[in-house]
Each structure stands twice: as structure tokens, then as C-alpha cells.
Amino acid sequence: PDNPAYTVQIGAFGRAQNALRLQKTARERFANQLVVNNYQPADKLYRVSVGKFDTRKEASRLRRELMEKYPKDYDQCWLTYIAK
């Protein structure tokens, strides 16, 4: 998108209940961050992401933090962009 915001995607699921479970845990752990569960009809996936940042650097900082604090839960998280 034009003028994107950056976020850390922590999971993608074909089943809504799996995405909702991860979203609930993320909201408890990261109460000060935006946590979004976004359904993508093109690939039939529910994508769960944390944070909304103006720069890739800020999102990368959160990603490193997640991976250090919860290495077993977020070892496969990645950066992506969203519309502002």
C-alpha cells in the first residue's frame, strides 16, 4: 500500500479458532500494542499481527523483543506491512 505501516505477524491460520486463541494470548502479553486478527479471503488465512509502526526499524525492534522474550512462541514471526 501507499505510505505503509509496519507490523509483526505472529501467525497465520486456516481456522478462526486458532487465530482467536493466539490473538487472545497476544493481547494479554502485549496490552500496550495493537493486536489484529485479519482474515485474507484470497488465501483463506487469518493473520494475527502485533504493533503498528511508521518505520521498519521500529517493527524490527519489536520482532527481536518477541523472539527474545518468547523464543518458543514467536520464533517464526516476521515483518509485514499494512495500510495506515
C-alpha atoms as a PDB file:
ATOM      1  CA  PRO A   1       0.000   0.000   0.000  1.00  0.00           C
ATOM      2  CA  ASP A   2       0.991   3.642  -0.369  1.00  0.00           C
ATOM      3  CA  ASN A   3       2.538   5.015   2.811  1.00  0.00           C
ATOM      4  CA  PRO A   4       2.567   1.658   4.660  1.00  0.00           C
ATOM      5  CA  ALA A   5       2.743   0.977   8.370  1.00  0.00           C
ATOM      6  CA  TYR A   6       4.753  -1.998   9.594  1.00  0.00           C
ATOM      7  CA  THR A   7       3.674  -4.797  11.903  1.00  0.00           C
ATOM      8  CA  VAL A   8       4.971  -8.112  13.236  1.00  0.00           C
ATOM      9  CA  GLN A   9       2.932 -11.063  12.030  1.00  0.00           C
ATOM     10  CA  ILE A  10       2.982 -13.790  14.673  1.00  0.00           C
ATOM     11  CA  GLY A  11       0.788 -16.359  12.964  1.00  0.00           C
ATOM     12  CA  ALA A  12      -1.419 -17.328  10.044  1.00  0.00           C
ATOM     13  CA  PHE A  13      -4.171 -19.910  10.350  1.00  0.00           C
ATOM     14  CA  GLY A  14      -6.809 -21.552   8.239  1.00  0.00           C
ATOM     15  CA  ARG A  15      -9.082 -21.989  11.259  1.00  0.00           C
ATOM     16  CA  ALA A  16     -10.566 -18.975  13.009  1.00  0.00           C
ATOM     17  CA  GLN A  17     -10.429 -20.519  16.495  1.00  0.00           C
ATOM     18  CA  ASN A  18      -6.640 -20.965  16.269  1.00  0.00           C
ATOM     19  CA  ALA A  19      -6.185 -17.326  15.265  1.00  0.00           C
ATOM     20  CA  LEU A  20      -8.523 -16.167  18.045  1.00  0.00           C
ATOM     21  CA  ARG A  21      -6.583 -18.178  20.629  1.00  0.00           C
ATOM     22  CA  LEU A  22      -3.279 -16.611  19.525  1.00  0.00           C
ATOM     23  CA  GLN A  23      -4.861 -13.162  19.406  1.00  0.00           C
ATOM     24  CA  LYS A  24      -6.133 -13.524  22.983  1.00  0.00           C
ATOM     25  CA  THR A  25      -2.712 -14.554  24.270  1.00  0.00           C
ATOM     26  CA  ALA A  26      -1.021 -11.712  22.389  1.00  0.00           C
ATOM     27  CA  ARG A  27      -3.453  -9.143  23.809  1.00  0.00           C
ATOM     28  CA  GLU A  28      -2.679 -10.369  27.319  1.00  0.00           C
ATOM     29  CA  ARG A  29       1.079 -10.257  26.739  1.00  0.00           C
ATOM     30  CA  PHE A  30       1.209  -7.007  24.767  1.00  0.00           C
ATOM     31  CA  ALA A  31      -1.525  -4.867  26.264  1.00  0.00           C
ATOM     32  CA  ASN A  32       0.224  -1.687  25.093  1.00  0.00           C
ATOM     33  CA  GLN A  33       0.359  -2.804  21.433  1.00  0.00           C
ATOM     34  CA  LEU A  34      -2.288  -3.078  18.748  1.00  0.00           C
ATOM     35  CA  VAL A  35      -3.123  -6.767  18.137  1.00  0.00           C
ATOM     36  CA  VAL A  36      -5.034  -7.526  14.938  1.00  0.00           C
ATOM     37  CA  ASN A  37      -6.638 -10.667  13.551  1.00  0.00           C
ATOM     38  CA  ASN A  38      -7.212 -10.016   9.855  1.00  0.00           C
ATOM     39  CA  TYR A  39      -8.897 -12.508   7.510  1.00  0.00           C
ATOM     40  CA  GLN A  40      -7.484 -12.637   3.970  1.00  0.00           C
ATOM     41  CA  PRO A  41     -10.089 -14.190   1.649  1.00  0.00           C
ATOM     42  CA  ALA A  42      -7.645 -14.575  -1.254  1.00  0.00           C
ATOM     43  CA  ASP A  43      -5.601 -17.187   0.625  1.00  0.00           C
ATOM     44  CA  LYS A  44      -8.264 -18.108   3.218  1.00  0.00           C
ATOM     45  CA  LEU A  45      -5.995 -17.293   6.163  1.00  0.00           C
ATOM     46  CA  TYR A  46      -6.483 -15.466   9.442  1.00  0.00           C
ATOM     47  CA  ARG A  47      -3.331 -13.406  10.041  1.00  0.00           C
ATOM     48  CA  VAL A  48      -2.506 -12.293  13.575  1.00  0.00           C
ATOM     49  CA  SER A  49      -0.129  -9.373  13.999  1.00  0.00           C
ATOM     50  CA  VAL A  50       1.213  -7.161  16.777  1.00  0.00           C
ATOM     51  CA  GLY A  51       2.051  -3.459  16.605  1.00  0.00           C
ATOM     52  CA  LYS A  52       1.656  -0.720  14.036  1.00  0.00           C
ATOM     53  CA  PHE A  53       4.781   1.303  13.299  1.00  0.00           C
ATOM     54  CA  ASP A  54       5.777   4.084  10.935  1.00  0.00           C
ATOM     55  CA  THR A  55       9.196   2.565  10.256  1.00  0.00           C
ATOM     56  CA  ARG A  56      10.529  -0.892   9.538  1.00  0.00           C
ATOM     57  CA  LYS A  57      13.204  -0.306  12.184  1.00  0.00           C
ATOM     58  CA  GLU A  58      10.592   0.104  14.938  1.00  0.00           C
ATOM     59  CA  ALA A  59       8.803  -3.077  13.867  1.00  0.00           C
ATOM     60  CA  SER A  60      12.136  -4.945  13.746  1.00  0.00           C
ATOM     61  CA  ARG A  61      12.817  -3.883  17.323  1.00  0.00           C
ATOM     62  CA  LEU A  62       9.502  -5.391  18.464  1.00  0.00           C
ATOM     63  CA  ARG A  63      10.194  -8.579  16.490  1.00  0.00           C
ATOM     64  CA  ARG A  64      13.553  -9.043  18.227  1.00  0.00           C
ATOM     65  CA  GLU A  65      11.900  -8.381  21.584  1.00  0.00           C
ATOM     66  CA  LEU A  66       9.212 -11.012  20.929  1.00  0.00           C
ATOM     67  CA  MET A  67      11.749 -13.594  19.824  1.00  0.00           C
ATOM     68  CA  GLU A  68      13.974 -12.983  22.863  1.00  0.00           C
ATOM     69  CA  LYS A  69      11.195 -12.939  25.447  1.00  0.00           C
ATOM     70  CA  TYR A  70       9.113 -15.797  23.968  1.00  0.00           C
ATOM     71  CA  PRO A  71      11.511 -17.832  21.775  1.00  0.00           C
ATOM     72  CA  LYS A  72       9.282 -20.906  21.571  1.00  0.00           C
ATOM     73  CA  ASP A  73       6.116 -18.968  20.775  1.00  0.00           C
ATOM     74  CA  TYR A  74       7.346 -16.398  18.259  1.00  0.00           C
ATOM     75  CA  ASP A  75      10.420 -17.969  16.660  1.00  0.00           C
ATOM     76  CA  GLN A  76       8.696 -17.845  13.259  1.00  0.00           C
ATOM     77  CA  CYS A  77       7.341 -14.276  13.399  1.00  0.00           C
ATOM     78  CA  TRP A  78       8.105 -11.865  10.567  1.00  0.00           C
ATOM     79  CA  LEU A  79       7.624  -8.273   9.457  1.00  0.00           C
ATOM     80  CA  THR A  80       4.917  -7.236   7.092  1.00  0.00           C
ATOM     81  CA  TYR A  81       3.226  -4.012   6.109  1.00  0.00           C
ATOM     82  CA  ILE A  82      -0.320  -2.770   6.385  1.00  0.00           C
ATOM     83  CA  ALA A  83      -2.204   0.331   5.332  1.00  0.00           C
ATOM     84  CA  LYS A  84      -2.045   3.213   7.801  1.00  0.00           C
END
